[in-house]
Amino acid sequence: MPQRKVGRKQVNKTGESSISKQKSKRNEENVKLEQLEKLVQDFDTEGDYSLFNDLPISAGTKKGLKKSFYTNMTDIQAKSLPMSLKGRDVLGAARTGSGKTLSFLIPVLEILHRRKWGPQDGLGALVISPTRELAIQIFDVLCGIGGYHSFSAGLVIGGKNLKDERDRLSRMNILVATPGRLLQHLDQTVGFECDSLQILGE
């Protein structure tokens, strides 16, 4: 739609300013968040669910799952996700390749989304991985399913440049780290804080 400048405001031919459009968009997003919150509250954790679309999750996460070709839940996902989406602590054990990674990454994205977590809010979720290889795998899955959210994600593992990691840490909302490297940053990186942390996964 053609626009013309009026002072600092952008006004289209109908007289609607870009500020009022932004306000309208924010209101729409707030309504969607309230609806999602209600769906989560009313969700029956004892139900028999097999598809990710059966869950009360945001459109951004659904798009990310679809893009990454995830449609059906594994056993551990079907058992843990209904509980963790409601904010309950979950302790799960399953064999390699059973879907544990999605079992904790989906709640990470959803909880931060529902709390309106933004880039200015700092570190909201910390995922600790025992090995570099697993940390890289978790980070790759996170980037795949979280691509439609506005969160910034980072990976800190041994063998990488500490200074480069240090420069990016203050901008991370979700951090995947190995224990040794995380401890190194907690000891040596000025301003790296976990005070606002909402979710801890390992």
C-alpha atoms as a PDB file:
ATOM      1  CA  MET A   1       0.000   0.000   0.000  1.00  0.00           C
ATOM      2  CA  PRO A   2       1.482   3.412  -0.954  1.00  0.00           C
ATOM      3  CA  GLN A   3       2.614   5.549   1.962  1.00  0.00           C
ATOM      4  CA  ARG A   4       3.617   9.129   2.517  1.00  0.00           C
ATOM      5  CA  LYS A   5       5.659  10.679   5.297  1.00  0.00           C
ATOM      6  CA  VAL A   6       4.012  13.069   7.706  1.00  0.00           C
ATOM      7  CA  GLY A   7       6.572  14.311  10.186  1.00  0.00           C
ATOM      8  CA  ARG A   8       7.894  11.185  11.871  1.00  0.00           C
ATOM      9  CA  LYS A   9       4.814   9.075  11.258  1.00  0.00           C
ATOM     10  CA  GLN A  10       4.141   6.908   8.247  1.00  0.00           C
ATOM     11  CA  VAL A  11       0.551   7.359   7.087  1.00  0.00           C
ATOM     12  CA  ASN A  12      -1.080   5.282   4.363  1.00  0.00           C
ATOM     13  CA  LYS A  13      -3.861   6.503   2.081  1.00  0.00           C
ATOM     14  CA  THR A  14      -6.564   5.503   4.554  1.00  0.00           C
ATOM     15  CA  GLY A  15      -4.942   7.712   7.205  1.00  0.00           C
ATOM     16  CA  GLU A  16      -3.825   4.788   9.378  1.00  0.00           C
ATOM     17  CA  SER A  17      -0.420   5.413  10.963  1.00  0.00           C
ATOM     18  CA  SER A  18       2.258   2.751  11.345  1.00  0.00           C
ATOM     19  CA  ILE A  19       2.086   3.343  15.114  1.00  0.00           C
ATOM     20  CA  SER A  20      -1.598   2.423  15.237  1.00  0.00           C
ATOM     21  CA  LYS A  21      -0.865  -0.626  13.078  1.00  0.00           C
ATOM     22  CA  GLN A  22       1.808  -1.718  15.556  1.00  0.00           C
ATOM     23  CA  LYS A  23      -0.588  -1.150  18.450  1.00  0.00           C
ATOM     24  CA  SER A  24      -3.246  -3.201  16.687  1.00  0.00           C
ATOM     25  CA  LYS A  25      -0.749  -5.990  16.009  1.00  0.00           C
ATOM     26  CA  ARG A  26       0.338  -6.010  19.677  1.00  0.00           C
ATOM     27  CA  ASN A  27      -3.288  -6.219  20.797  1.00  0.00           C
ATOM     28  CA  GLU A  28      -3.861  -9.116  18.404  1.00  0.00           C
ATOM     29  CA  GLU A  29      -0.767 -10.917  19.745  1.00  0.00           C
ATOM     30  CA  ASN A  30      -1.955 -10.382  23.331  1.00  0.00           C
ATOM     31  CA  VAL A  31      -5.356 -11.880  22.481  1.00  0.00           C
ATOM     32  CA  LYS A  32      -3.649 -14.921  20.909  1.00  0.00           C
ATOM     33  CA  LEU A  33      -1.451 -15.336  23.997  1.00  0.00           C
ATOM     34  CA  GLU A  34      -4.479 -15.182  26.299  1.00  0.00           C
ATOM     35  CA  GLN A  35      -6.247 -17.799  24.167  1.00  0.00           C
ATOM     36  CA  LEU A  36      -3.161 -20.031  24.230  1.00  0.00           C
ATOM     37  CA  GLU A  37      -2.838 -19.637  28.005  1.00  0.00           C
ATOM     38  CA  LYS A  38      -6.480 -20.687  28.418  1.00  0.00           C
ATOM     39  CA  LEU A  39      -5.928 -23.730  26.169  1.00  0.00           C
ATOM     40  CA  VAL A  40      -2.948 -24.750  28.306  1.00  0.00           C
ATOM     41  CA  GLN A  41      -4.882 -24.299  31.567  1.00  0.00           C
ATOM     42  CA  ASP A  42      -7.821 -26.356  30.267  1.00  0.00           C
ATOM     43  CA  PHE A  43      -5.627 -29.038  28.676  1.00  0.00           C
ATOM     44  CA  ASP A  44      -6.229 -32.566  29.992  1.00  0.00           C
ATOM     45  CA  THR A  45      -2.837 -34.051  30.860  1.00  0.00           C
ATOM     46  CA  GLU A  46      -4.379 -37.528  31.080  1.00  0.00           C
ATOM     47  CA  GLY A  47      -5.614 -37.505  27.470  1.00  0.00           C
ATOM     48  CA  ASP A  48      -4.369 -39.849  24.751  1.00  0.00           C
ATOM     49  CA  TYR A  49      -2.361 -37.686  22.334  1.00  0.00           C
ATOM     50  CA  SER A  50      -0.247 -38.812  19.404  1.00  0.00           C
ATOM     51  CA  LEU A  51       0.289 -35.693  17.240  1.00  0.00           C
ATOM     52  CA  PHE A  52       2.107 -32.456  18.064  1.00  0.00           C
ATOM     53  CA  ASN A  53      -0.937 -30.630  16.691  1.00  0.00           C
ATOM     54  CA  ASP A  54      -2.971 -32.163  19.553  1.00  0.00           C
ATOM     55  CA  LEU A  55      -0.996 -30.023  22.012  1.00  0.00           C
ATOM     56  CA  PRO A  56      -1.747 -26.431  23.065  1.00  0.00           C
ATOM     57  CA  ILE A  57       1.353 -24.885  21.503  1.00  0.00           C
ATOM     58  CA  SER A  58       1.975 -21.637  19.640  1.00  0.00           C
ATOM     59  CA  ALA A  59       1.718 -21.207  15.891  1.00  0.00           C
ATOM     60  CA  GLY A  60       5.470 -20.488  15.745  1.00  0.00           C
ATOM     61  CA  THR A  61       6.377 -23.809  17.341  1.00  0.00           C
ATOM     62  CA  LYS A  62       3.865 -25.674  15.170  1.00  0.00           C
ATOM     63  CA  LYS A  63       5.417 -24.138  12.040  1.00  0.00           C
ATOM     64  CA  GLY A  64       8.920 -25.048  13.230  1.00  0.00           C
ATOM     65  CA  LEU A  65       7.887 -28.641  13.926  1.00  0.00           C
ATOM     66  CA  LYS A  66       6.215 -28.931  10.528  1.00  0.00           C
ATOM     67  CA  LYS A  67       9.238 -27.452   8.734  1.00  0.00           C
ATOM     68  CA  SER A  68      11.468 -29.960  10.545  1.00  0.00           C
ATOM     69  CA  PHE A  69       9.092 -32.814   9.572  1.00  0.00           C
ATOM     70  CA  TYR A  70       7.929 -33.635  13.105  1.00  0.00           C
ATOM     71  CA  THR A  71       4.269 -34.675  13.204  1.00  0.00           C
ATOM     72  CA  ASN A  72       3.878 -37.751  15.445  1.00  0.00           C
ATOM     73  CA  MET A  73       5.017 -37.834  19.056  1.00  0.00           C
ATOM     74  CA  THR A  74       7.130 -40.622  20.505  1.00  0.00           C
ATOM     75  CA  ASP A  75       6.122 -42.298  23.792  1.00  0.00           C
ATOM     76  CA  ILE A  76       8.269 -40.052  25.978  1.00  0.00           C
ATOM     77  CA  GLN A  77       6.995 -36.941  24.206  1.00  0.00           C
ATOM     78  CA  ALA A  78       3.346 -37.980  24.562  1.00  0.00           C
ATOM     79  CA  LYS A  79       3.860 -38.669  28.284  1.00  0.00           C
ATOM     80  CA  SER A  80       6.002 -35.666  29.239  1.00  0.00           C
ATOM     81  CA  LEU A  81       4.849 -32.771  27.046  1.00  0.00           C
ATOM     82  CA  PRO A  82       1.311 -32.406  28.453  1.00  0.00           C
ATOM     83  CA  MET A  83       2.821 -32.042  31.946  1.00  0.00           C
ATOM     84  CA  SER A  84       5.758 -29.793  31.082  1.00  0.00           C
ATOM     85  CA  LEU A  85       3.618 -27.446  28.962  1.00  0.00           C
ATOM     86  CA  LYS A  86       1.666 -26.739  32.145  1.00  0.00           C
ATOM     87  CA  GLY A  87       4.931 -25.706  33.811  1.00  0.00           C
ATOM     88  CA  ARG A  88       5.428 -28.835  35.893  1.00  0.00           C
ATOM     89  CA  ASP A  89       8.886 -30.265  36.502  1.00  0.00           C
ATOM     90  CA  VAL A  90       9.484 -33.480  34.581  1.00  0.00           C
ATOM     91  CA  LEU A  91      12.179 -36.098  35.068  1.00  0.00           C
ATOM     92  CA  GLY A  92      12.352 -38.516  32.149  1.00  0.00           C
ATOM     93  CA  ALA A  93      14.612 -41.371  31.144  1.00  0.00           C
ATOM     94  CA  ALA A  94      14.551 -43.073  27.761  1.00  0.00           C
ATOM     95  CA  ARG A  95      16.959 -44.674  25.335  1.00  0.00           C
ATOM     96  CA  THR A  96      18.917 -42.708  22.736  1.00  0.00           C
ATOM     97  CA  GLY A  97      16.807 -41.679  19.753  1.00  0.00           C
ATOM     98  CA  SER A  98      13.516 -41.773  21.653  1.00  0.00           C
ATOM     99  CA  GLY A  99      12.759 -38.066  21.322  1.00  0.00           C
ATOM    100  CA  LYS A 100      13.958 -36.637  24.634  1.00  0.00           C
ATOM    101  CA  THR A 101      15.380 -33.515  22.965  1.00  0.00           C
ATOM    102  CA  LEU A 102      11.993 -32.316  21.708  1.00  0.00           C
ATOM    103  CA  SER A 103      10.481 -33.283  25.065  1.00  0.00           C
ATOM    104  CA  PHE A 104      12.328 -30.433  26.740  1.00  0.00           C
ATOM    105  CA  LEU A 105      12.894 -27.976  23.868  1.00  0.00           C
ATOM    106  CA  ILE A 106       9.188 -27.531  23.061  1.00  0.00           C
ATOM    107  CA  PRO A 107       8.362 -26.481  26.656  1.00  0.00           C
ATOM    108  CA  VAL A 108      11.379 -24.131  26.646  1.00  0.00           C
ATOM    109  CA  LEU A 109      10.020 -22.315  23.587  1.00  0.00           C
ATOM    110  CA  GLU A 110       6.431 -22.331  24.804  1.00  0.00           C
ATOM    111  CA  ILE A 111       7.075 -21.114  28.339  1.00  0.00           C
ATOM    112  CA  LEU A 112       9.245 -18.231  27.125  1.00  0.00           C
ATOM    113  CA  HIS A 113       6.679 -17.401  24.428  1.00  0.00           C
ATOM    114  CA  ARG A 114       3.807 -17.294  26.911  1.00  0.00           C
ATOM    115  CA  ARG A 115       5.853 -15.096  29.257  1.00  0.00           C
ATOM    116  CA  LYS A 116       6.451 -12.671  26.349  1.00  0.00           C
ATOM    117  CA  TRP A 117      10.199 -13.148  26.690  1.00  0.00           C
ATOM    118  CA  GLY A 118      12.116 -10.842  24.381  1.00  0.00           C
ATOM    119  CA  PRO A 119      15.696 -10.042  23.402  1.00  0.00           C
ATOM    120  CA  GLN A 120      15.909  -7.360  26.124  1.00  0.00           C
ATOM    121  CA  ASP A 121      14.947  -9.830  28.877  1.00  0.00           C
ATOM    122  CA  GLY A 122      18.270 -11.662  28.848  1.00  0.00           C
ATOM    123  CA  LEU A 123      18.883 -15.339  29.489  1.00  0.00           C
ATOM    124  CA  GLY A 124      15.597 -17.164  30.010  1.00  0.00           C
ATOM    125  CA  ALA A 125      16.556 -20.804  29.482  1.00  0.00           C
ATOM    126  CA  LEU A 126      19.735 -22.773  30.048  1.00  0.00           C
ATOM    127  CA  VAL A 127      20.182 -26.282  28.661  1.00  0.00           C
ATOM    128  CA  ILE A 128      23.199 -28.162  30.023  1.00  0.00           C
ATOM    129  CA  SER A 129      24.523 -31.021  27.911  1.00  0.00           C
ATOM    130  CA  PRO A 130      27.134 -33.550  29.078  1.00  0.00           C
ATOM    131  CA  THR A 131      29.020 -33.648  25.746  1.00  0.00           C
ATOM    132  CA  ARG A 132      29.930 -31.286  22.909  1.00  0.00           C
ATOM    133  CA  GLU A 133      28.344 -33.576  20.323  1.00  0.00           C
ATOM    134  CA  LEU A 134      25.019 -33.701  22.154  1.00  0.00           C
ATOM    135  CA  ALA A 135      25.104 -29.929  22.746  1.00  0.00           C
ATOM    136  CA  ILE A 136      25.549 -29.337  19.000  1.00  0.00           C
ATOM    137  CA  GLN A 137      22.697 -31.739  18.226  1.00  0.00           C
ATOM    138  CA  ILE A 138      20.385 -30.011  20.742  1.00  0.00           C
ATOM    139  CA  PHE A 139      21.302 -26.587  19.349  1.00  0.00           C
ATOM    140  CA  ASP A 140      20.577 -27.723  15.774  1.00  0.00           C
ATOM    141  CA  VAL A 141      17.136 -29.050  16.765  1.00  0.00           C
ATOM    142  CA  LEU A 142      16.433 -25.831  18.696  1.00  0.00           C
ATOM    143  CA  CYS A 143      17.281 -23.694  15.662  1.00  0.00           C
ATOM    144  CA  GLY A 144      15.065 -25.877  13.482  1.00  0.00           C
ATOM    145  CA  ILE A 145      11.922 -25.815  15.602  1.00  0.00           C
ATOM    146  CA  GLY A 146      12.454 -22.356  17.100  1.00  0.00           C
ATOM    147  CA  GLY A 147      13.011 -20.490  13.860  1.00  0.00           C
ATOM    148  CA  TYR A 148       9.590 -18.826  13.913  1.00  0.00           C
ATOM    149  CA  HIS A 149      10.123 -17.305  17.376  1.00  0.00           C
ATOM    150  CA  SER A 150      12.107 -14.134  18.058  1.00  0.00           C
ATOM    151  CA  PHE A 151      14.380 -15.665  20.696  1.00  0.00           C
ATOM    152  CA  SER A 152      18.142 -15.572  20.270  1.00  0.00           C
ATOM    153  CA  ALA A 153      19.934 -18.843  20.934  1.00  0.00           C
ATOM    154  CA  GLY A 154      23.574 -19.594  21.606  1.00  0.00           C
ATOM    155  CA  LEU A 155      25.914 -22.551  21.945  1.00  0.00           C
ATOM    156  CA  VAL A 156      28.921 -22.513  24.287  1.00  0.00           C
ATOM    157  CA  ILE A 157      31.175 -25.560  24.218  1.00  0.00           C
ATOM    158  CA  GLY A 158      34.819 -26.327  24.809  1.00  0.00           C
ATOM    159  CA  GLY A 159      37.165 -26.052  21.843  1.00  0.00           C
ATOM    160  CA  LYS A 160      35.596 -22.823  20.544  1.00  0.00           C
ATOM    161  CA  ASN A 161      36.864 -19.254  20.877  1.00  0.00           C
ATOM    162  CA  LEU A 162      36.042 -18.040  24.392  1.00  0.00           C
ATOM    163  CA  LYS A 163      36.170 -14.349  23.413  1.00  0.00           C
ATOM    164  CA  ASP A 164      33.672 -14.811  20.561  1.00  0.00           C
ATOM    165  CA  GLU A 165      31.314 -16.629  22.917  1.00  0.00           C
ATOM    166  CA  ARG A 166      31.784 -13.951  25.569  1.00  0.00           C
ATOM    167  CA  ASP A 167      30.766 -11.195  23.126  1.00  0.00           C
ATOM    168  CA  ARG A 168      27.501 -12.980  22.263  1.00  0.00           C
ATOM    169  CA  LEU A 169      26.451 -14.184  25.721  1.00  0.00           C
ATOM    170  CA  SER A 170      24.708 -10.989  26.805  1.00  0.00           C
ATOM    171  CA  ARG A 171      22.347 -11.240  23.820  1.00  0.00           C
ATOM    172  CA  MET A 172      21.219 -14.839  24.372  1.00  0.00           C
ATOM    173  CA  ASN A 173      17.696 -15.813  25.465  1.00  0.00           C
ATOM    174  CA  ILE A 174      18.324 -19.572  25.252  1.00  0.00           C
ATOM    175  CA  LEU A 175      21.747 -21.047  25.890  1.00  0.00           C
ATOM    176  CA  VAL A 176      22.951 -24.607  25.247  1.00  0.00           C
ATOM    177  CA  ALA A 177      26.202 -25.316  27.091  1.00  0.00           C
ATOM    178  CA  THR A 178      28.548 -28.017  28.274  1.00  0.00           C
ATOM    179  CA  PRO A 179      29.242 -27.953  32.060  1.00  0.00           C
ATOM    180  CA  GLY A 180      32.948 -27.086  31.854  1.00  0.00           C
ATOM    181  CA  ARG A 181      32.469 -24.223  29.425  1.00  0.00           C
ATOM    182  CA  LEU A 182      29.483 -22.884  31.359  1.00  0.00           C
ATOM    183  CA  LEU A 183      31.538 -22.860  34.574  1.00  0.00           C
ATOM    184  CA  GLN A 184      34.357 -21.074  32.751  1.00  0.00           C
ATOM    185  CA  HIS A 185      31.978 -18.316  31.615  1.00  0.00           C
ATOM    186  CA  LEU A 186      30.389 -18.020  35.064  1.00  0.00           C
ATOM    187  CA  ASP A 187      33.896 -17.509  36.513  1.00  0.00           C
ATOM    188  CA  GLN A 188      35.471 -15.347  33.796  1.00  0.00           C
ATOM    189  CA  THR A 189      32.806 -13.532  31.766  1.00  0.00           C
ATOM    190  CA  VAL A 190      31.891 -10.174  33.271  1.00  0.00           C
ATOM    191  CA  GLY A 191      28.160  -9.512  33.177  1.00  0.00           C
ATOM    192  CA  PHE A 192      27.149 -13.095  32.442  1.00  0.00           C
ATOM    193  CA  GLU A 193      24.263 -13.653  34.811  1.00  0.00           C
ATOM    194  CA  CYS A 194      21.524 -16.213  35.233  1.00  0.00           C
ATOM    195  CA  ASP A 195      19.390 -14.087  37.582  1.00  0.00           C
ATOM    196  CA  SER A 196      16.376 -13.964  35.262  1.00  0.00           C
ATOM    197  CA  LEU A 197      16.541 -17.660  34.356  1.00  0.00           C
ATOM    198  CA  GLN A 198      13.091 -19.222  33.902  1.00  0.00           C
ATOM    199  CA  ILE A 199      13.980 -22.760  32.770  1.00  0.00           C
ATOM    200  CA  LEU A 200      16.886 -25.074  33.490  1.00  0.00           C
ATOM    201  CA  GLY A 201      17.186 -28.265  31.455  1.00  0.00           C
ATOM    202  CA  GLU A 202      19.830 -30.953  31.443  1.00  0.00           C
END
